[in-house]
N, C-alpha and C. Protein backbone atom coordinates (compact mmCIF):
# COMPACT_ATOMS: atom_id res chain seq x y z
N MET A 1 0.88 -1.12 0.01
CA MET A 1 -0.02 0.09 0.03
C MET A 1 0.82 1.22 0.07
N GLN A 2 1.84 1.25 0.74
CA GLN A 2 2.81 2.40 0.93
C GLN A 2 3.46 2.52 -0.40
N THR A 3 4.08 1.53 -1.07
CA THR A 3 4.61 1.68 -2.34
C THR A 3 3.84 2.20 -3.41
N ALA A 4 2.37 1.71 -3.41
CA ALA A 4 1.33 2.13 -4.22
C ALA A 4 1.21 3.76 -4.12
N LEU A 5 1.16 4.12 -2.91
CA LEU A 5 0.94 5.69 -2.80
C LEU A 5 2.22 6.37 -3.17
N ASP A 6 3.38 5.73 -2.89
CA ASP A 6 4.52 6.59 -3.27
C ASP A 6 4.64 6.57 -4.66
N ILE A 7 4.36 5.59 -5.46
CA ILE A 7 4.50 5.56 -6.98
C ILE A 7 3.42 6.60 -7.48
N ALA A 8 2.23 6.78 -7.04
CA ALA A 8 1.26 7.63 -7.26
C ALA A 8 1.47 9.16 -6.89
N GLY A 9 2.46 9.25 -5.93
CA GLY A 9 2.82 10.57 -5.55
C GLY A 9 1.65 11.02 -4.65
N LEU A 10 0.98 10.09 -3.83
CA LEU A 10 -0.13 10.42 -3.01
C LEU A 10 0.13 10.22 -1.56
N ARG A 11 -0.67 10.86 -0.66
CA ARG A 11 -0.61 10.64 0.82
C ARG A 11 -1.69 9.88 1.20
N PRO A 12 -1.80 9.10 2.16
CA PRO A 12 -3.11 8.43 2.62
C PRO A 12 -4.29 9.31 2.65
N ALA A 13 -4.10 10.50 3.19
CA ALA A 13 -5.21 11.45 3.27
C ALA A 13 -5.91 11.66 1.86
N ASP A 14 -5.15 11.36 0.73
CA ASP A 14 -5.70 11.56 -0.58
C ASP A 14 -6.65 10.26 -1.23
N ILE A 15 -6.63 9.28 -0.26
CA ILE A 15 -7.43 8.13 -0.79
C ILE A 15 -8.97 8.35 -0.08
N GLY A 16 -9.99 8.10 -0.92
CA GLY A 16 -11.28 8.30 -0.59
C GLY A 16 -11.91 7.02 -0.15
N SER A 17 -11.37 5.86 -0.35
CA SER A 17 -12.07 4.55 -0.19
C SER A 17 -11.03 3.46 -0.35
N ILE A 18 -11.28 2.40 0.26
CA ILE A 18 -10.39 1.19 0.05
C ILE A 18 -11.34 -0.08 -0.13
N ASN A 19 -11.07 -0.65 -1.35
CA ASN A 19 -11.64 -2.04 -1.74
C ASN A 19 -10.67 -2.94 -1.08
N ALA A 20 -11.01 -3.53 -0.08
CA ALA A 20 -10.00 -4.52 0.76
C ALA A 20 -10.09 -5.90 -0.14
N HIS A 21 -9.01 -6.73 0.20
CA HIS A 21 -8.85 -7.93 -0.31
C HIS A 21 -10.02 -8.75 0.45
N GLY A 22 -10.09 -8.51 1.98
CA GLY A 22 -11.28 -8.81 2.60
C GLY A 22 -11.91 -10.21 2.48
N THR A 23 -11.21 -11.29 2.97
CA THR A 23 -11.78 -12.53 2.78
C THR A 23 -12.64 -12.94 3.89
N ALA A 24 -12.97 -12.23 4.86
CA ALA A 24 -13.78 -12.43 6.05
C ALA A 24 -13.26 -13.60 6.75
N THR A 25 -11.90 -13.65 6.94
CA THR A 25 -11.30 -14.81 7.75
C THR A 25 -10.54 -13.99 8.76
N GLU A 26 -10.39 -14.38 9.97
CA GLU A 26 -9.52 -13.78 10.95
C GLU A 26 -8.24 -13.53 10.68
N ALA A 27 -7.49 -14.49 10.04
CA ALA A 27 -6.17 -14.12 9.70
C ALA A 27 -6.07 -12.93 8.73
N ASN A 28 -6.81 -13.13 7.64
CA ASN A 28 -6.64 -12.14 6.60
C ASN A 28 -7.03 -10.57 6.97
N ASP A 29 -8.30 -10.67 7.64
CA ASP A 29 -8.85 -9.46 7.94
C ASP A 29 -8.14 -8.54 9.10
N GLU A 30 -7.61 -9.46 9.98
CA GLU A 30 -6.95 -8.59 11.14
C GLU A 30 -5.61 -8.17 10.56
N THR A 31 -4.90 -8.99 9.65
CA THR A 31 -3.72 -8.60 9.12
C THR A 31 -3.82 -7.52 8.34
N GLU A 32 -4.85 -7.57 7.24
CA GLU A 32 -5.09 -6.31 6.43
C GLU A 32 -5.59 -5.08 7.20
N SER A 33 -6.30 -5.34 8.17
CA SER A 33 -6.79 -4.07 8.87
C SER A 33 -5.50 -3.44 9.68
N ALA A 34 -4.53 -4.24 10.15
CA ALA A 34 -3.54 -3.82 11.07
C ALA A 34 -2.57 -3.10 9.74
N SER A 35 -2.56 -3.61 8.72
CA SER A 35 -1.65 -3.06 7.52
C SER A 35 -2.23 -1.90 7.13
N ILE A 36 -3.52 -1.72 7.01
CA ILE A 36 -4.12 -0.28 6.68
C ILE A 36 -3.94 0.57 7.73
N ARG A 37 -3.92 0.24 9.06
CA ARG A 37 -3.62 1.22 10.11
C ARG A 37 -2.19 1.57 10.09
N GLN A 38 -1.45 0.59 9.65
CA GLN A 38 0.03 1.16 9.78
C GLN A 38 0.39 2.05 8.71
N VAL A 39 -0.22 1.95 7.52
CA VAL A 39 0.12 2.76 6.42
C VAL A 39 -0.66 4.13 6.64
N PHE A 40 -1.89 4.14 7.11
CA PHE A 40 -2.88 5.20 6.92
C PHE A 40 -2.79 5.95 8.25
N GLY A 41 -2.32 5.30 9.31
CA GLY A 41 -2.24 6.29 10.74
C GLY A 41 -3.62 6.58 11.05
N ALA A 42 -3.58 7.83 11.42
CA ALA A 42 -4.85 8.59 11.88
C ALA A 42 -5.93 8.68 10.85
N ASP A 43 -5.46 8.73 9.33
CA ASP A 43 -6.46 8.71 8.36
C ASP A 43 -7.21 7.50 8.39
N THR A 44 -6.91 6.49 8.76
CA THR A 44 -7.55 5.14 8.78
C THR A 44 -8.95 5.32 9.33
N ASP A 45 -9.22 6.16 10.31
CA ASP A 45 -10.52 6.41 10.83
C ASP A 45 -11.52 7.11 9.96
N THR A 46 -11.02 7.73 8.87
CA THR A 46 -11.91 8.58 7.93
C THR A 46 -12.09 7.76 6.56
N VAL A 47 -11.31 6.86 6.19
CA VAL A 47 -11.45 6.36 4.94
C VAL A 47 -12.33 5.06 4.99
N PRO A 48 -13.39 4.86 4.32
CA PRO A 48 -14.20 3.84 4.27
C PRO A 48 -13.71 2.59 3.57
N VAL A 49 -14.07 1.50 4.18
CA VAL A 49 -13.39 0.26 3.62
C VAL A 49 -14.59 -0.78 3.37
N VAL A 50 -14.39 -1.48 2.18
CA VAL A 50 -15.52 -2.28 1.51
C VAL A 50 -14.74 -3.47 1.21
N SER A 51 -15.43 -4.66 1.24
CA SER A 51 -14.88 -5.89 0.68
C SER A 51 -16.00 -6.31 -0.47
N SER A 52 -15.55 -6.58 -1.57
CA SER A 52 -16.49 -7.19 -2.71
C SER A 52 -16.77 -8.85 -2.65
N LYS A 53 -15.86 -9.41 -1.86
CA LYS A 53 -15.97 -10.87 -1.90
C LYS A 53 -17.41 -11.44 -1.47
N ALA A 54 -18.04 -10.83 -0.76
CA ALA A 54 -19.39 -11.44 -0.35
C ALA A 54 -20.40 -11.43 -1.44
N TYR A 55 -20.09 -10.64 -2.38
CA TYR A 55 -20.99 -10.53 -3.68
C TYR A 55 -20.63 -11.67 -4.77
N PHE A 56 -19.29 -11.89 -4.75
CA PHE A 56 -18.80 -12.72 -5.88
C PHE A 56 -18.44 -14.03 -5.46
N GLY A 57 -17.88 -14.14 -4.20
CA GLY A 57 -17.22 -15.29 -3.65
C GLY A 57 -15.64 -15.02 -4.00
N HIS A 58 -14.88 -15.85 -3.48
CA HIS A 58 -13.49 -15.67 -3.71
C HIS A 58 -13.11 -16.39 -4.90
N THR A 59 -12.93 -15.82 -5.90
CA THR A 59 -12.71 -16.33 -7.33
C THR A 59 -11.29 -16.65 -7.53
N LEU A 60 -10.57 -16.50 -6.55
CA LEU A 60 -8.98 -16.88 -6.66
C LEU A 60 -8.32 -15.99 -7.63
N GLY A 61 -7.78 -16.37 -8.65
CA GLY A 61 -6.87 -15.70 -9.49
C GLY A 61 -7.87 -14.53 -10.31
N ALA A 62 -9.13 -14.68 -10.34
CA ALA A 62 -9.70 -13.65 -11.00
C ALA A 62 -10.26 -12.43 -9.82
N SER A 63 -10.00 -12.75 -8.66
CA SER A 63 -10.58 -11.89 -7.58
C SER A 63 -10.11 -10.45 -8.03
N GLY A 64 -9.02 -10.29 -8.13
CA GLY A 64 -8.44 -8.87 -8.34
C GLY A 64 -8.96 -8.12 -9.51
N ALA A 65 -9.32 -8.97 -10.57
CA ALA A 65 -9.86 -8.18 -11.86
C ALA A 65 -11.27 -7.91 -11.46
N VAL A 66 -12.14 -8.79 -10.91
CA VAL A 66 -13.53 -8.67 -10.59
C VAL A 66 -13.58 -7.50 -9.51
N GLU A 67 -12.67 -7.28 -8.55
CA GLU A 67 -12.92 -6.32 -7.65
C GLU A 67 -12.43 -5.11 -8.01
N PHE A 68 -11.59 -5.12 -9.01
CA PHE A 68 -11.00 -4.05 -9.73
C PHE A 68 -12.24 -3.27 -10.38
N ILE A 69 -13.07 -4.15 -11.06
CA ILE A 69 -14.05 -3.36 -11.95
C ILE A 69 -15.14 -2.89 -10.67
N ALA A 70 -15.35 -3.79 -9.86
CA ALA A 70 -16.10 -3.26 -8.59
C ALA A 70 -15.85 -1.90 -8.19
N THR A 71 -14.40 -1.60 -8.05
CA THR A 71 -13.96 -0.45 -7.58
C THR A 71 -14.12 0.65 -8.67
N VAL A 72 -13.88 0.36 -9.79
CA VAL A 72 -14.26 1.48 -10.93
C VAL A 72 -15.62 1.69 -11.01
N LEU A 73 -16.60 0.70 -10.80
CA LEU A 73 -18.05 1.27 -10.72
C LEU A 73 -18.50 2.01 -9.76
N ALA A 74 -17.88 1.57 -8.51
CA ALA A 74 -18.11 2.55 -7.22
C ALA A 74 -17.69 3.99 -7.49
N LEU A 75 -16.57 4.10 -8.00
CA LEU A 75 -16.00 5.46 -8.28
C LEU A 75 -16.96 6.18 -9.32
N GLU A 76 -17.38 5.31 -10.47
CA GLU A 76 -18.13 5.86 -11.47
C GLU A 76 -19.51 6.20 -11.10
N ASN A 77 -20.19 5.42 -10.26
CA ASN A 77 -21.37 5.71 -9.65
C ASN A 77 -21.50 6.43 -8.40
N ARG A 78 -20.45 6.97 -7.89
CA ARG A 78 -20.15 7.62 -6.63
C ARG A 78 -20.91 6.83 -5.46
N LEU A 79 -20.78 5.57 -5.54
CA LEU A 79 -21.51 4.96 -4.47
C LEU A 79 -20.77 3.61 -3.76
N LEU A 80 -20.35 3.44 -2.66
CA LEU A 80 -19.56 2.40 -2.29
C LEU A 80 -20.57 1.36 -1.87
N PRO A 81 -20.54 0.06 -2.41
CA PRO A 81 -21.55 -0.76 -1.86
C PRO A 81 -21.44 -1.29 -0.43
N ALA A 82 -22.44 -1.80 0.15
CA ALA A 82 -22.60 -2.18 1.50
C ALA A 82 -21.50 -3.42 1.45
N ASN A 83 -21.13 -3.62 2.82
CA ASN A 83 -20.36 -4.74 3.14
C ASN A 83 -21.53 -5.98 3.40
N LEU A 84 -21.88 -6.76 2.38
CA LEU A 84 -22.74 -7.67 2.40
C LEU A 84 -22.52 -8.67 3.58
N ASN A 85 -23.55 -9.27 4.25
CA ASN A 85 -23.64 -9.94 5.36
C ASN A 85 -22.61 -9.65 6.36
N LEU A 86 -22.39 -8.36 6.66
CA LEU A 86 -21.52 -7.96 7.88
C LEU A 86 -22.34 -7.85 8.94
N THR A 87 -22.38 -8.70 9.98
CA THR A 87 -23.17 -8.56 11.07
C THR A 87 -22.38 -8.45 12.31
N HIS A 88 -21.22 -8.98 12.37
CA HIS A 88 -20.28 -8.93 13.50
C HIS A 88 -18.97 -8.40 13.09
N ILE A 89 -18.57 -7.33 13.63
CA ILE A 89 -17.09 -6.77 13.39
C ILE A 89 -16.24 -7.02 14.32
N ASP A 90 -15.25 -7.66 13.91
CA ASP A 90 -14.22 -8.34 14.83
C ASP A 90 -13.55 -7.05 15.55
N PRO A 91 -13.37 -6.84 16.84
CA PRO A 91 -12.82 -5.78 17.43
C PRO A 91 -11.14 -5.56 16.99
N LYS A 92 -10.58 -6.62 16.36
CA LYS A 92 -9.34 -6.47 15.99
C LYS A 92 -9.25 -5.83 14.59
N CYS A 93 -10.28 -5.80 14.04
CA CYS A 93 -10.43 -4.95 12.54
C CYS A 93 -10.76 -3.53 13.00
N THR A 94 -9.80 -2.74 13.03
CA THR A 94 -9.88 -1.39 13.46
C THR A 94 -9.92 -0.45 12.31
N VAL A 95 -10.79 -0.60 11.35
CA VAL A 95 -10.90 0.25 10.15
C VAL A 95 -12.17 0.80 10.06
N ARG A 96 -12.58 1.58 9.34
CA ARG A 96 -13.95 2.19 9.08
C ARG A 96 -14.60 1.34 8.11
N LEU A 97 -15.34 0.27 8.42
CA LEU A 97 -16.03 -0.54 7.46
C LEU A 97 -17.24 0.09 7.09
N VAL A 98 -17.68 -0.10 5.93
CA VAL A 98 -18.97 0.44 5.21
C VAL A 98 -19.98 -0.57 5.90
N GLY A 99 -21.06 0.04 6.34
CA GLY A 99 -22.04 -1.02 6.95
C GLY A 99 -23.01 -1.79 6.15
N SER A 100 -24.13 -2.00 6.42
CA SER A 100 -25.04 -2.87 5.53
C SER A 100 -25.88 -1.97 4.57
N ASP A 101 -25.45 -0.46 4.46
CA ASP A 101 -26.00 0.20 3.70
C ASP A 101 -25.03 0.93 2.67
N PRO A 102 -25.24 1.09 1.34
CA PRO A 102 -24.23 1.73 0.44
C PRO A 102 -23.97 3.08 1.20
N LEU A 103 -22.73 3.57 0.64
CA LEU A 103 -22.26 4.93 1.23
C LEU A 103 -21.99 5.78 0.02
N PRO A 104 -22.44 6.99 0.10
CA PRO A 104 -22.20 7.92 -1.03
C PRO A 104 -20.68 8.19 -1.15
N LEU A 105 -20.11 8.20 -2.41
CA LEU A 105 -18.71 8.37 -2.59
C LEU A 105 -18.35 9.45 -3.54
N GLU A 106 -18.02 10.67 -2.92
CA GLU A 106 -17.80 11.82 -3.81
C GLU A 106 -16.28 11.86 -4.14
N HIS A 107 -15.42 11.33 -3.33
CA HIS A 107 -13.90 11.48 -3.33
C HIS A 107 -13.61 10.63 -4.72
N PRO A 108 -12.69 11.16 -5.45
CA PRO A 108 -12.37 10.47 -6.71
C PRO A 108 -11.20 9.53 -6.88
N VAL A 109 -10.68 9.13 -5.55
CA VAL A 109 -9.50 8.37 -5.53
C VAL A 109 -9.76 7.09 -4.61
N ALA A 110 -9.49 5.98 -4.97
CA ALA A 110 -9.72 4.77 -4.48
C ALA A 110 -8.67 3.71 -4.39
N MET A 111 -8.31 2.97 -3.50
CA MET A 111 -7.17 2.03 -3.34
C MET A 111 -8.04 0.52 -3.36
N LYS A 112 -7.26 -0.39 -4.22
CA LYS A 112 -7.93 -1.72 -4.36
C LYS A 112 -6.65 -2.55 -3.96
N ASN A 113 -6.83 -3.46 -2.94
CA ASN A 113 -5.95 -4.40 -2.32
C ASN A 113 -6.32 -5.86 -2.81
N SER A 114 -5.17 -6.38 -3.30
CA SER A 114 -5.32 -7.81 -3.79
C SER A 114 -4.15 -8.75 -3.16
N PHE A 115 -4.50 -9.67 -2.59
CA PHE A 115 -3.39 -10.47 -2.04
C PHE A 115 -3.42 -11.96 -2.37
N GLY A 116 -2.32 -12.46 -2.62
CA GLY A 116 -2.33 -13.95 -3.13
C GLY A 116 -1.65 -14.88 -2.23
N PHE A 117 -1.92 -16.07 -2.50
CA PHE A 117 -0.94 -17.07 -1.83
C PHE A 117 0.42 -16.95 -1.86
N GLY A 118 1.12 -17.12 -0.85
CA GLY A 118 2.56 -17.01 -0.73
C GLY A 118 3.03 -15.71 -0.82
N GLY A 119 2.36 -14.78 -0.36
CA GLY A 119 2.70 -13.47 -0.27
C GLY A 119 2.72 -12.42 -1.38
N ASP A 120 1.90 -12.86 -2.45
CA ASP A 120 2.02 -11.96 -3.72
C ASP A 120 0.96 -11.04 -3.47
N ASN A 121 1.30 -9.67 -3.56
CA ASN A 121 0.35 -8.61 -3.10
C ASN A 121 0.34 -7.78 -4.30
N ALA A 122 -0.91 -7.14 -4.77
CA ALA A 122 -1.08 -6.09 -5.51
C ALA A 122 -1.91 -4.99 -4.97
N VAL A 123 -1.52 -3.78 -5.17
CA VAL A 123 -2.35 -2.58 -4.72
C VAL A 123 -2.38 -1.61 -5.96
N LEU A 124 -3.64 -1.33 -6.41
CA LEU A 124 -3.92 -0.40 -7.33
C LEU A 124 -4.45 0.88 -6.85
N ILE A 125 -4.11 2.01 -7.28
CA ILE A 125 -4.86 3.32 -6.84
C ILE A 125 -5.49 3.85 -8.11
N LEU A 126 -6.92 4.01 -8.07
CA LEU A 126 -7.72 4.46 -9.21
C LEU A 126 -8.19 5.88 -8.91
N ARG A 127 -8.35 6.67 -10.04
CA ARG A 127 -8.79 7.95 -9.81
C ARG A 127 -9.86 8.14 -10.84
N ARG A 128 -10.96 8.54 -10.50
CA ARG A 128 -12.14 9.17 -11.28
C ARG A 128 -11.76 10.44 -12.05
N GLU A 129 -11.90 10.49 -13.32
CA GLU A 129 -11.70 11.63 -13.89
C GLU A 129 -13.04 12.29 -14.30
N ASP A 130 -13.49 13.31 -13.73
CA ASP A 130 -14.73 14.01 -14.10
C ASP A 130 -14.61 14.75 -15.31
N PRO A 131 -15.74 14.74 -16.12
CA PRO A 131 -15.70 15.52 -17.32
C PRO A 131 -15.56 17.07 -16.87
N LYS A 132 -14.87 17.81 -17.69
CA LYS A 132 -14.82 19.24 -17.42
C LYS A 132 -15.82 20.14 -18.11
């Protein structure tokens, strides 16, 4: 995440939402939450976090592509989807999770996290370009 921010020339405060890898497993969600907090610091409490996997399942190698499209659509439609089936928030997941209702999204920059087996990680930063 930090490398993606550095390459983009952005700060954590420049990110308006995060589409997490979010597998809804203790090991992944606690680790990803801690990683977001490490990179975003105090900004962690203001950036909404959503996971798309509850909508599509974990499609393994296709997850990143499918969730990238979901992130693009969220930016385009200015609406973060709800975290489907979120009924209990693990107290170790200390991020601002989107609840059971979609959240308006005016901020034009989003981060998409994708993590793979064996430590393969990819983080993309997307920006909506509004027509002038």
